[in-house]
Structures are given as C-alpha cells and as structure tokens.
Amino acid sequence: MFTVRIQSEDFDASAEASALTRGRTDVGAVVTFAGLCRADDAPGGAPLIALTLEHYPGMAEEEITRIVTEARGRWPLSGATVIHRFGRMTPGDNIVLVVTTSAHRGAAFAAAEFLMDWLKTRAPFWKLEEREDAQDWIAAKDSDDDAAGRWS
C-alpha cells in the first residue's frame, strides 16, 4: 500500500503505521517519522506563535507521489505513507508523517530519510512563521539542501 495525502486535519501516526502492517507477514521493518511544529527555531528570537503552510492543490500530491514512486524504485518497499498538513499550526502540532515498510530495516530507514530530505527541500509548500514581532516566509536552509544532495 502506497498513500499520499495532503490535508488540514491532524493524523494519528500509530494508526497510519498499523494500516501498513495489518495482515502482512512480509514486513520486517517499519520506520515512522513525524515532524512537529516547534516553539522556537531562532535562538534569542521571539517564540513562534504559529506556522502556516500553503501549497498548490493537485501539484503537491502529484510531486509527492512522484518521489514515493522514485523511492520504490530505489528500495524494496512493501509500503509507504506520506501525509503533509497545510493550514495554520501551533507549536506541538503534527506537520508531516512519513512511514515506510520493508522486509529489512536498511531499506525502510533509507527510504524514509530520502522522502524527508525531498519533502524539506523540493515539495511545493510555503511556510509563514508568525511571531509576536513579525511574520516572515521561511527560506530554504543550506543544510537541508546538503542533506538532499546525497541522493543525487
């Protein structure tokens, strides 16, 4: 089972992982990554009040499906779920979920890292930080680009 969803609603990481393994005896590894909205990303700066994520409906699903298909070609996955939320989120809220399953842990871990590196750098989402003193669109980080570059 391979699933991509873009949604405003929260998700249950445990339920999503369970859905990928239910009734399966060929799965030997499940890797789950949940990205959360954190309160502060700027040392000494004003605390984050909210993060608003925007996307292009249709395009985001298509691009994420394409990269999941690429992951399937690179590793022997038995399943993957990618859920990315949009809308306004506050610290502690779930933002993104990547779950990968395979017969062996190496493939599940590598595919999950590949998917997250791609989501951080190439997925068509825009993030607006809301702080007490300002609102700013978040620019891409060189460190994220460096991490994604290892998959080229």
Protein backbone atom coordinates (compact mmCIF):
# COMPACT_ATOMS: atom_id res chain seq x y z
CA MET A 1 0.00 0.00 0.00
CA PHE A 2 1.35 3.40 -1.00
CA THR A 3 -0.52 6.51 0.13
CA VAL A 4 -0.01 10.25 -0.28
CA ARG A 5 -2.34 12.71 1.43
CA ILE A 6 -2.30 16.48 1.78
CA GLN A 7 -4.75 17.52 4.46
CA SER A 8 -5.57 20.18 7.02
CA GLU A 9 -6.69 17.60 9.60
CA ASP A 10 -4.34 16.06 12.14
CA PHE A 11 -3.15 12.46 11.73
CA ASP A 12 -2.50 9.52 14.04
CA ALA A 13 1.00 8.18 13.33
CA SER A 14 0.36 4.91 15.12
CA ALA A 15 -2.86 4.24 13.20
CA GLU A 16 -1.14 5.02 9.90
CA ALA A 17 1.76 2.64 10.67
CA SER A 18 -0.67 -0.07 11.75
CA ALA A 19 -2.60 0.28 8.49
CA LEU A 20 0.60 -0.51 6.55
CA THR A 21 1.31 -3.69 8.50
CA ARG A 22 -2.18 -5.07 9.17
CA GLY A 23 -2.42 -8.61 7.82
CA ARG A 24 1.11 -8.53 6.41
CA THR A 25 3.70 -11.18 7.23
CA ASP A 26 6.33 -9.93 4.78
CA VAL A 27 7.06 -6.71 6.70
CA GLY A 28 10.13 -6.87 8.90
CA ALA A 29 10.67 -3.15 9.47
CA VAL A 30 8.51 -0.08 9.97
CA VAL A 31 10.12 3.35 10.11
CA THR A 32 7.97 6.25 11.20
CA PHE A 33 8.94 9.92 11.17
CA ALA A 34 6.59 12.62 12.40
CA GLY A 35 7.61 16.25 12.02
CA LEU A 36 6.13 18.65 14.56
CA CYS A 37 5.75 22.40 14.79
CA ARG A 38 8.29 23.56 17.37
CA ALA A 39 8.08 26.66 19.51
CA ASP A 40 11.39 28.27 18.65
CA ASP A 41 13.81 27.92 15.79
CA ALA A 42 15.70 31.18 16.27
CA PRO A 43 17.94 31.37 19.36
CA GLY A 44 17.27 34.61 21.19
CA GLY A 45 14.32 35.44 18.93
CA ALA A 46 10.66 35.82 19.76
CA PRO A 47 8.88 32.48 20.29
CA LEU A 48 6.90 31.05 17.41
CA ILE A 49 3.15 31.62 17.77
CA ALA A 50 2.07 29.73 14.65
CA LEU A 51 3.23 28.29 11.36
CA THR A 52 1.01 28.49 8.29
CA LEU A 53 1.72 26.12 5.42
CA GLU A 54 0.40 26.78 1.94
CA HIS A 55 0.60 24.54 -1.13
CA TYR A 56 -0.65 24.12 -4.68
CA PRO A 57 -3.52 21.59 -4.51
CA GLY A 58 -3.03 18.83 -7.03
CA MET A 59 0.58 19.76 -7.73
CA ALA A 60 1.74 18.87 -4.21
CA GLU A 61 0.07 15.44 -4.34
CA GLU A 62 1.49 14.78 -7.80
CA GLU A 63 5.04 15.73 -6.83
CA ILE A 64 4.99 13.72 -3.60
CA THR A 65 3.53 10.70 -5.44
CA ARG A 66 6.37 11.02 -7.96
CA ILE A 67 9.02 10.95 -5.25
CA VAL A 68 7.36 8.00 -3.49
CA THR A 69 7.50 6.18 -6.83
CA GLU A 70 11.21 7.04 -7.05
CA ALA A 71 11.75 5.66 -3.53
CA ARG A 72 10.00 2.45 -4.57
CA GLY A 73 12.45 2.13 -7.44
CA ARG A 74 15.48 2.62 -5.18
CA TRP A 75 14.50 0.35 -2.26
CA PRO A 76 12.39 -2.81 -1.86
CA LEU A 77 9.50 -1.18 -0.02
CA SER A 78 6.31 -3.04 0.83
CA GLY A 79 4.51 0.19 1.68
CA ALA A 80 4.80 3.90 2.33
CA THR A 81 2.55 6.63 3.64
CA VAL A 82 3.31 10.33 3.31
CA ILE A 83 0.93 12.82 4.90
CA HIS A 84 1.63 16.55 4.82
CA ARG A 85 -0.63 19.04 6.51
CA PHE A 86 -1.47 22.56 5.40
CA GLY A 87 -3.06 25.49 7.17
CA ARG A 88 -2.25 27.15 10.47
CA MET A 89 -0.45 25.08 13.11
CA THR A 90 0.78 25.94 16.57
CA PRO A 91 3.75 24.52 18.48
CA GLY A 92 3.26 20.84 19.25
CA ASP A 93 1.02 20.17 16.23
CA ASN A 94 1.87 17.47 13.71
CA ILE A 95 3.03 18.75 10.31
CA VAL A 96 4.31 15.78 8.32
CA LEU A 97 4.34 11.99 8.56
CA VAL A 98 6.48 9.53 6.62
CA VAL A 99 6.02 5.80 7.24
CA THR A 100 7.97 3.22 5.26
CA THR A 101 7.82 -0.57 5.44
CA SER A 102 10.13 -3.20 4.04
CA ALA A 103 11.36 -6.70 4.77
CA HIS A 104 14.56 -5.20 6.19
CA ARG A 105 15.36 -2.10 8.26
CA GLY A 106 18.04 -0.66 5.98
CA ALA A 107 15.62 -0.10 3.12
CA ALA A 108 12.91 1.30 5.40
CA PHE A 109 15.31 3.76 7.08
CA ALA A 110 16.96 4.88 3.83
CA ALA A 111 13.63 5.41 2.06
CA ALA A 112 12.24 7.41 4.99
CA GLU A 113 15.33 9.65 5.04
CA PHE A 114 15.18 10.10 1.27
CA LEU A 115 11.50 11.07 1.41
CA MET A 116 12.01 13.53 4.26
CA ASP A 117 15.05 15.13 2.62
CA TRP A 118 13.00 15.61 -0.54
CA LEU A 119 9.99 16.98 1.39
CA LYS A 120 12.20 19.52 3.19
CA THR A 121 13.79 20.82 0.01
CA ARG A 122 11.61 20.19 -3.03
CA ALA A 123 7.97 19.73 -2.01
CA PRO A 124 5.78 22.64 -3.17
CA PHE A 125 4.92 24.04 0.28
CA TRP A 126 5.50 27.52 1.65
CA LYS A 127 5.83 28.25 5.37
CA LEU A 128 4.91 31.51 7.07
CA GLU A 129 6.20 31.98 10.61
CA GLU A 130 4.12 34.10 12.94
CA ARG A 131 5.95 35.61 15.91
CA GLU A 132 4.98 38.38 18.34
CA ASP A 133 7.06 40.92 16.48
CA ALA A 134 6.82 39.77 12.85
CA GLN A 135 5.59 37.41 10.16
CA ASP A 136 8.15 36.01 7.74
CA TRP A 137 8.24 33.44 4.97
CA ILE A 138 10.84 30.76 5.75
CA ALA A 139 13.73 30.48 3.31
CA ALA A 140 15.30 27.17 2.38
CA LYS A 141 18.29 26.14 4.50
CA ASP A 142 21.63 25.19 3.00
CA SER A 143 21.89 22.29 5.47
CA ASP A 144 18.64 20.82 4.11
CA ASP A 145 19.91 21.15 0.54
CA ASP A 146 23.18 19.46 1.55
CA ALA A 147 21.28 16.55 3.10
CA ALA A 148 19.15 16.11 -0.02
CA GLY A 149 22.21 16.30 -2.25
CA ARG A 150 23.45 12.91 -1.07
CA TRP A 151 20.65 11.22 -3.03
CA SER A 152 21.70 12.61 -6.44
